[in-house]
Protein backbone atom coordinates (compact mmCIF):
# COMPACT_ATOMS: atom_id res chain seq x y z
CA MET A 1 91.06 104.02 -31.14
CA ASN A 2 90.92 100.82 -33.21
CA ASN A 3 93.85 99.51 -35.20
CA ALA A 4 94.96 100.95 -38.49
CA GLY A 5 93.72 99.04 -41.49
CA PRO A 6 92.02 99.26 -44.87
CA SER A 7 88.71 100.99 -45.21
CA ASP A 8 85.56 99.10 -46.18
CA ASN A 9 83.99 102.03 -48.02
CA ALA A 10 83.37 102.19 -51.77
CA PRO A 11 85.64 104.53 -53.81
CA GLY A 12 82.99 107.24 -54.08
CA ALA A 13 82.36 107.10 -50.35
CA GLU A 14 86.12 107.30 -49.73
CA GLU A 15 86.34 110.57 -51.66
CA MET A 16 83.35 112.01 -49.81
CA ILE A 17 84.87 111.12 -46.45
CA ASP A 18 88.17 112.72 -47.44
CA ARG A 19 86.41 115.93 -48.46
CA ARG A 20 84.46 116.08 -45.20
CA VAL A 21 87.57 115.49 -43.10
CA THR A 22 89.47 118.15 -45.06
CA GLU A 23 86.66 120.63 -44.48
CA TYR A 24 86.58 119.84 -40.76
CA LEU A 25 90.32 120.45 -40.51
CA ARG A 26 89.95 123.75 -42.38
CA ARG A 27 87.18 124.93 -40.04
CA THR A 28 89.15 124.05 -36.92
CA GLY A 29 92.33 125.71 -38.14
CA LEU A 30 94.34 122.52 -38.59
CA SER A 31 96.65 122.96 -41.55
CA PRO A 32 97.54 120.01 -43.80
CA LEU A 33 101.13 121.21 -43.39
CA THR A 34 101.14 120.46 -39.66
CA THR A 35 98.86 117.40 -39.49
CA SER A 36 98.75 113.90 -40.85
CA VAL A 37 95.57 111.91 -41.41
CA THR A 38 95.35 108.13 -41.05
CA ARG A 39 92.32 105.93 -41.67
CA LEU A 40 91.66 103.49 -38.81
CA ARG A 41 90.11 100.07 -38.73
CA GLY A 42 86.36 100.39 -38.48
CA ASP A 43 83.89 98.40 -36.44
CA ALA A 44 80.76 96.62 -37.62
CA SER A 45 78.88 99.92 -38.00
CA HIS A 46 78.57 102.40 -40.85
CA ARG A 47 80.91 104.88 -39.18
CA CYS A 48 84.56 105.19 -40.14
CA TYR A 49 87.38 106.57 -38.04
CA VAL A 50 90.26 108.87 -38.89
CA ARG A 51 93.23 109.80 -36.70
CA VAL A 52 94.49 113.35 -37.03
CA THR A 53 98.05 113.69 -35.73
CA ARG A 54 99.28 117.21 -34.97
CA ARG A 55 102.85 118.38 -34.62
CA ASP A 56 102.00 120.80 -31.84
CA GLY A 57 99.33 118.99 -29.85
CA PRO A 58 97.68 115.68 -29.01
CA SER A 59 96.15 113.65 -31.79
CA ILE A 60 92.38 113.29 -32.10
CA VAL A 61 90.10 110.74 -33.71
CA LEU A 62 87.29 111.79 -36.03
CA ALA A 63 84.24 109.53 -36.06
CA VAL A 64 82.75 110.11 -39.50
CA HIS A 65 79.05 109.24 -39.61
CA PRO A 66 77.32 108.33 -42.86
CA GLU A 67 74.88 111.23 -42.55
CA PRO A 68 74.78 114.69 -40.94
CA PHE A 69 73.47 114.82 -37.39
CA ALA A 70 72.11 117.26 -34.85
CA ALA A 71 74.44 117.27 -31.87
CA ASP A 72 71.63 117.36 -29.31
CA ALA A 73 70.10 114.24 -30.87
CA LEU A 74 73.25 112.18 -31.42
CA PRO A 75 73.21 109.09 -29.17
CA GLU A 76 77.02 109.07 -28.85
CA ILE A 77 76.91 112.47 -27.14
CA ALA A 78 73.85 111.85 -24.98
CA VAL A 79 74.90 108.38 -23.82
CA GLY A 80 78.50 109.51 -23.35
CA ALA A 81 77.32 112.29 -21.05
CA LEU A 82 75.24 109.81 -19.06
CA PHE A 83 78.16 107.39 -18.72
CA GLU A 84 80.43 110.21 -17.55
CA ARG A 85 77.93 111.01 -14.80
CA LEU A 86 78.09 107.36 -13.77
CA ALA A 87 81.91 107.50 -13.70
CA ILE A 88 82.15 105.10 -16.63
CA PRO A 89 85.32 106.06 -18.54
CA VAL A 90 84.54 107.09 -22.12
CA PRO A 91 86.47 109.12 -24.72
CA ALA A 92 86.19 112.86 -24.27
CA VAL A 93 84.36 114.76 -27.01
CA MET A 94 86.79 117.28 -28.51
CA GLY A 95 84.46 118.90 -31.03
CA GLN A 96 81.81 118.25 -33.63
CA ALA A 97 80.45 119.38 -36.98
CA GLY A 98 77.00 117.92 -37.35
CA ASP A 99 76.54 119.12 -40.93
CA LEU A 100 79.65 117.13 -41.89
CA GLY A 101 78.65 114.14 -39.80
CA ILE A 102 81.88 114.39 -37.80
CA LEU A 103 82.41 113.92 -34.08
CA ALA A 104 85.94 114.60 -32.78
CA LEU A 105 87.06 112.37 -29.91
CA GLU A 106 89.97 111.91 -27.58
CA ASP A 107 92.53 109.54 -29.10
CA LEU A 108 92.84 106.44 -26.93
CA GLY A 109 95.50 104.75 -29.03
CA ASP A 110 95.17 101.47 -30.89
CA GLN A 111 95.00 98.76 -28.23
CA THR A 112 91.64 97.16 -27.61
CA LEU A 113 91.28 94.54 -24.91
CA GLN A 114 91.17 92.00 -27.74
CA ASP A 115 94.59 93.22 -28.90
CA TRP A 116 95.96 93.32 -25.35
CA LEU A 117 95.07 89.66 -24.85
CA THR A 118 97.31 88.65 -27.75
CA VAL A 119 100.44 89.97 -25.98
CA PRO A 120 102.17 87.03 -24.23
CA GLY A 121 102.69 87.06 -20.50
CA GLY A 122 100.00 89.49 -19.38
CA ASP A 123 97.59 88.62 -16.57
CA PRO A 124 94.08 89.50 -17.78
CA THR A 125 92.55 89.28 -14.30
CA PRO A 126 92.95 92.96 -13.27
CA LEU A 127 91.45 94.26 -16.51
CA TYR A 128 88.56 91.81 -16.36
CA ARG A 129 87.91 92.68 -12.74
CA GLU A 130 87.71 96.30 -13.86
CA ALA A 131 85.42 95.40 -16.78
CA VAL A 132 83.03 93.47 -14.54
CA GLY A 133 83.07 96.29 -12.01
CA LEU A 134 81.95 98.71 -14.72
CA ILE A 135 78.99 96.46 -15.58
CA ALA A 136 77.99 96.39 -11.92
CA LYS A 137 78.30 100.19 -11.74
CA LEU A 138 76.08 100.62 -14.80
CA GLN A 139 73.43 98.44 -13.22
CA ARG A 140 73.56 99.85 -9.68
CA ASP A 141 74.21 103.52 -10.28
CA GLY A 142 72.35 103.63 -13.56
CA ALA A 143 69.13 102.84 -11.73
CA GLU A 144 69.46 106.09 -9.77
CA LEU A 145 69.20 108.22 -12.94
CA HIS A 146 66.32 106.32 -14.50
CA ALA A 147 63.76 108.98 -13.64
CA GLU A 148 65.61 111.59 -15.71
CA GLY A 149 64.59 109.72 -18.85
CA SER A 150 67.70 110.11 -21.02
CA ILE A 151 67.90 108.11 -24.25
CA PRO A 152 68.97 104.68 -22.91
CA TYR A 153 66.08 104.63 -20.46
CA THR A 154 63.58 105.05 -23.28
CA LEU A 155 64.89 101.98 -25.15
CA ALA A 156 64.72 98.36 -24.10
CA PHE A 157 65.36 94.79 -25.05
CA ASP A 158 61.65 94.17 -25.25
CA THR A 159 60.05 91.31 -27.14
CA THR A 160 60.09 93.25 -30.40
CA LYS A 161 63.78 94.13 -30.20
CA LEU A 162 64.92 90.68 -29.11
CA THR A 163 62.80 89.05 -31.80
CA SER A 164 64.19 91.38 -34.48
CA GLU A 165 67.73 90.34 -33.55
CA LEU A 166 66.81 86.67 -33.83
CA THR A 167 65.12 87.34 -37.17
CA PHE A 168 68.36 89.05 -38.23
CA PHE A 169 70.16 85.75 -37.57
CA GLN A 170 67.81 83.99 -39.96
CA SER A 171 67.98 86.60 -42.73
CA GLU A 172 71.67 87.51 -42.57
CA PHE A 173 73.41 84.35 -41.39
CA LEU A 174 71.20 81.54 -42.67
CA LEU A 175 69.91 83.13 -45.87
CA GLU A 176 72.56 85.65 -46.96
CA TYR A 177 75.69 83.88 -45.72
CA ARG A 178 74.82 80.16 -45.67
CA HIS A 179 72.18 80.39 -48.46
CA VAL A 180 69.70 78.33 -46.45
CA THR A 181 65.98 78.62 -47.13
CA LEU A 182 63.77 76.88 -44.60
CA ALA A 183 60.69 74.90 -45.53
CA PRO A 184 57.52 76.57 -44.19
CA ALA A 185 56.98 74.02 -41.41
CA ALA A 186 60.58 74.25 -40.21
CA ALA A 187 60.49 78.04 -40.41
CA GLU A 188 57.36 78.16 -38.26
CA ALA A 189 58.82 75.72 -35.73
CA LEU A 190 62.00 77.80 -35.50
CA ARG A 191 59.95 80.98 -35.12
CA ARG A 192 58.10 79.49 -32.16
CA GLU A 193 61.31 78.41 -30.43
CA LEU A 194 62.96 81.78 -30.90
CA SER A 195 59.81 83.65 -29.85
CA THR A 196 59.79 81.76 -26.56
CA ILE A 197 63.38 82.85 -25.88
CA ALA A 198 62.62 86.49 -26.73
CA GLU A 199 59.51 86.58 -24.57
CA GLU A 200 61.24 85.03 -21.57
CA LEU A 201 64.19 87.43 -21.76
CA ALA A 202 61.92 90.44 -22.29
CA ALA A 203 60.03 89.55 -19.10
CA GLU A 204 63.14 89.84 -16.92
CA PRO A 205 63.70 92.93 -14.75
CA ARG A 206 65.69 95.51 -16.71
CA VAL A 207 68.93 97.29 -15.91
CA LEU A 208 71.09 99.72 -17.85
CA CYS A 209 73.14 97.84 -20.47
CA HIS A 210 75.98 98.95 -22.73
CA ARG A 211 74.54 96.53 -25.32
CA ASP A 212 77.82 95.52 -27.04
CA TYR A 213 80.23 95.05 -24.17
CA HIS A 214 83.08 92.90 -25.46
CA SER A 215 86.84 93.01 -25.96
CA ARG A 216 86.71 95.06 -29.18
CA ASN A 217 84.76 97.83 -27.43
CA LEU A 218 87.06 98.16 -24.42
CA MET A 219 90.21 100.16 -25.03
CA VAL A 220 93.29 99.63 -22.87
CA TYR A 221 94.60 103.15 -22.30
CA ARG A 222 97.28 103.90 -19.73
CA ASN A 223 96.69 100.46 -18.22
CA ARG A 224 93.00 101.13 -17.61
CA LEU A 225 89.85 100.44 -19.58
CA VAL A 226 87.90 103.02 -21.54
CA VAL A 227 84.49 102.09 -22.94
CA ILE A 228 83.61 102.81 -26.57
CA ASP A 229 80.75 102.06 -28.99
CA PHE A 230 78.11 102.72 -26.34
CA GLN A 231 75.61 104.65 -28.46
CA ASP A 232 73.09 101.78 -28.46
CA ALA A 233 72.87 101.54 -24.66
CA ARG A 234 69.43 100.53 -23.43
CA MET A 235 67.56 98.71 -20.69
CA GLY A 236 67.77 94.92 -20.65
CA PRO A 237 68.47 91.78 -18.64
CA ALA A 238 71.21 91.90 -16.01
CA THR A 239 72.96 89.04 -17.80
CA TYR A 240 73.28 90.82 -21.17
CA ASP A 241 76.60 92.66 -20.78
CA LEU A 242 78.17 89.89 -18.73
CA VAL A 243 77.44 87.33 -21.45
CA SER A 244 78.95 89.70 -24.02
CA LEU A 245 82.11 90.03 -21.94
CA LEU A 246 82.64 86.47 -20.66
CA ARG A 247 81.37 84.58 -23.70
CA ASP A 248 83.07 86.96 -26.07
CA CYS A 249 82.85 85.98 -29.73
CA TYR A 250 86.27 87.55 -30.38
CA VAL A 251 88.51 85.91 -27.75
CA ASP A 252 88.96 82.70 -25.78
CA LEU A 253 88.95 83.07 -22.00
CA SER A 254 90.04 80.43 -19.53
CA PRO A 255 87.30 78.64 -17.58
CA ASP A 256 88.94 79.77 -14.32
CA LEU A 257 88.82 83.42 -15.38
CA VAL A 258 85.18 83.14 -16.44
CA ALA A 259 84.23 81.50 -13.14
CA ALA A 260 86.14 84.09 -11.10
CA MET A 261 84.64 87.04 -12.98
CA THR A 262 81.13 85.63 -12.69
CA GLU A 263 81.64 85.37 -8.96
CA ARG A 264 82.94 88.94 -8.86
CA PHE A 265 79.78 90.12 -10.59
CA LEU A 266 77.56 88.23 -8.16
CA GLU A 267 79.46 89.71 -5.21
CA ALA A 268 78.94 93.21 -6.65
CA VAL A 269 75.26 92.61 -7.49
CA PRO A 270 74.25 90.02 -4.87
CA ALA A 271 70.55 90.15 -5.70
CA GLN A 272 71.32 88.32 -8.94
CA ARG A 273 72.62 85.27 -7.08
CA ALA A 274 69.17 84.43 -5.77
CA VAL A 275 67.32 84.42 -9.09
CA ASP A 276 68.50 81.29 -10.90
CA PHE A 277 71.46 83.12 -12.40
CA GLY A 278 73.14 80.25 -14.24
CA PRO A 279 70.19 79.24 -16.45
CA ARG A 280 69.35 82.90 -17.09
CA PHE A 281 72.95 83.57 -18.12
CA ASP A 282 72.81 80.64 -20.54
CA LEU A 283 69.46 81.70 -21.98
CA MET A 284 70.88 85.14 -22.66
CA SER A 285 73.90 83.47 -24.22
CA VAL A 286 71.72 81.68 -26.77
CA GLN A 287 70.04 84.91 -27.87
CA ARG A 288 73.27 86.89 -27.87
CA HIS A 289 75.19 84.38 -29.97
CA LEU A 290 72.42 83.89 -32.51
CA LYS A 291 72.32 87.65 -32.88
CA ALA A 292 76.13 87.75 -33.24
CA LEU A 293 75.97 85.18 -36.03
CA GLY A 294 73.49 87.44 -37.79
CA THR A 295 75.94 90.32 -37.51
CA PHE A 296 78.83 88.24 -38.81
CA GLY A 297 76.75 86.90 -41.68
CA HIS A 298 75.76 90.43 -42.68
CA GLN A 299 79.31 91.73 -42.48
CA ILE A 300 80.67 88.86 -44.58
CA ALA A 301 77.96 88.44 -47.19
CA VAL A 302 76.46 91.91 -47.47
CA ALA A 303 79.10 94.41 -46.32
CA GLY A 304 81.99 92.52 -47.92
CA ARG A 305 84.09 92.13 -44.76
CA PRO A 306 85.32 88.52 -44.90
CA GLY A 307 87.49 88.92 -41.80
CA PHE A 308 84.41 88.39 -39.63
CA ALA A 309 84.32 84.73 -40.73
CA ALA A 310 87.11 84.07 -38.22
CA TYR A 311 84.65 84.59 -35.36
CA VAL A 312 81.92 82.22 -36.57
CA PRO A 313 83.48 78.96 -35.23
CA ARG A 314 83.90 80.30 -31.70
CA THR A 315 80.37 81.67 -31.66
CA CYS A 316 78.95 78.35 -32.87
CA ALA A 317 80.97 76.57 -30.18
CA TYR A 318 79.36 78.70 -27.48
CA LEU A 319 75.95 77.88 -28.92
CA ARG A 320 76.76 74.18 -29.11
CA HIS A 321 77.84 74.11 -25.47
CA THR A 322 74.67 75.82 -24.25
CA LEU A 323 72.12 74.10 -26.47
CA GLN A 324 73.49 70.64 -25.70
CA ARG A 325 73.52 71.32 -21.96
CA TYR A 326 69.81 71.98 -21.43
CA PRO A 327 66.93 69.68 -22.37
CA ARG A 328 64.75 72.74 -22.90
CA PHE A 329 66.80 73.58 -26.00
CA GLY A 330 66.42 70.12 -27.52
CA ARG A 331 63.90 71.17 -30.15
CA LEU A 332 65.89 74.30 -31.08
CA LEU A 333 69.04 72.21 -31.47
CA GLU A 334 67.13 69.72 -33.59
CA LEU A 335 66.00 72.53 -35.90
CA LEU A 336 69.36 74.28 -36.13
CA ALA A 337 71.69 71.28 -36.39
CA PRO A 338 70.97 70.55 -40.09
CA LEU A 339 71.59 74.22 -40.85
CA LEU A 340 74.70 74.65 -38.67
CA PRO A 341 76.69 71.38 -38.63
CA GLU A 342 79.05 73.08 -36.15
CA LEU A 343 76.42 72.57 -33.46
CA VAL A 344 76.87 68.81 -33.36
CA ARG A 345 80.63 68.41 -33.62
CA GLY A 346 83.84 69.69 -32.08
CA GLU A 347 84.84 70.93 -28.65
CA SER A 348 83.53 74.00 -26.87
CA PRO A 349 85.96 76.74 -25.75
CA VAL A 350 83.86 77.50 -22.70
CA SER A 351 83.86 75.98 -19.25
CA ARG A 352 81.51 73.13 -18.41
CA ARG A 353 80.90 74.75 -15.05
CA ASP A 354 77.76 76.60 -14.16
CA PRO A 355 78.31 80.38 -14.37
CA ALA A 356 76.64 80.71 -10.96
């Protein structure tokens, strides 16, 4: 689960993690003489991951949280159980020690969909058909369990949440990463433009969303997909997960594949075809990519993870394509262009076709 690589934790945190992992192994009867421990590449969260390889059994992955947790309140467990009921493939929980902040998970190997796409000669269509099918299943079947009120149904991409993500773009990408401070008039004009986007998206009918459904959060395991990093699942627009998948900040997808997978989604959820899907998809894309830039800015400038800079150009290209396409975004483009020169130059990696 995630590729091996250096940890991003400070030395003191490294020692604390090692002690907690050692204690977990002691409690579960795993001897250092018969196991090996390998730190894995982390994601953009505060968790870190450790693979424990046993001589006499399957390996497991330990998700080490920054703080202790109560198992009955941990979103990973609650949302994972919900996804299992919906037949969404997720890693099995193998054990936990809440006081140590450790959740033990099935080891899915190291190949994300992002990694799989770098191998020459593979046809991505079957895996993307599967990925789109899982989005449709979340939306259709997830609606049937809404009345039970589990964690994702109590959370939503409402105006407050969507606005906070757009504010994050301003604070973490513009200010922290690009060192841009807006004049008061420009800041107010930008606030109004972004508020309009948040309010319009928040007014859409809501479905169950993974919330971060892209190629780094889909593992390729035994030639099938397994979904990870789902703990922030919530209710939101039907376009949210599809934008994350098909306008993925981490990979380039061919226009033909994007068009085919959009059509597959609309065949699986036909009600979406009749509600101006293309412009709604693009509106969601603007919000999603501004939020992603905020995440990348934070990871680079605050968390000290410069590798995320590689994903900024592609994300800006998606934004450029969408903002330039619609007159309604003219004022937003006018405000952002002096701050992000990438929005007025270069070629877009995405198709010029409508997604609907």
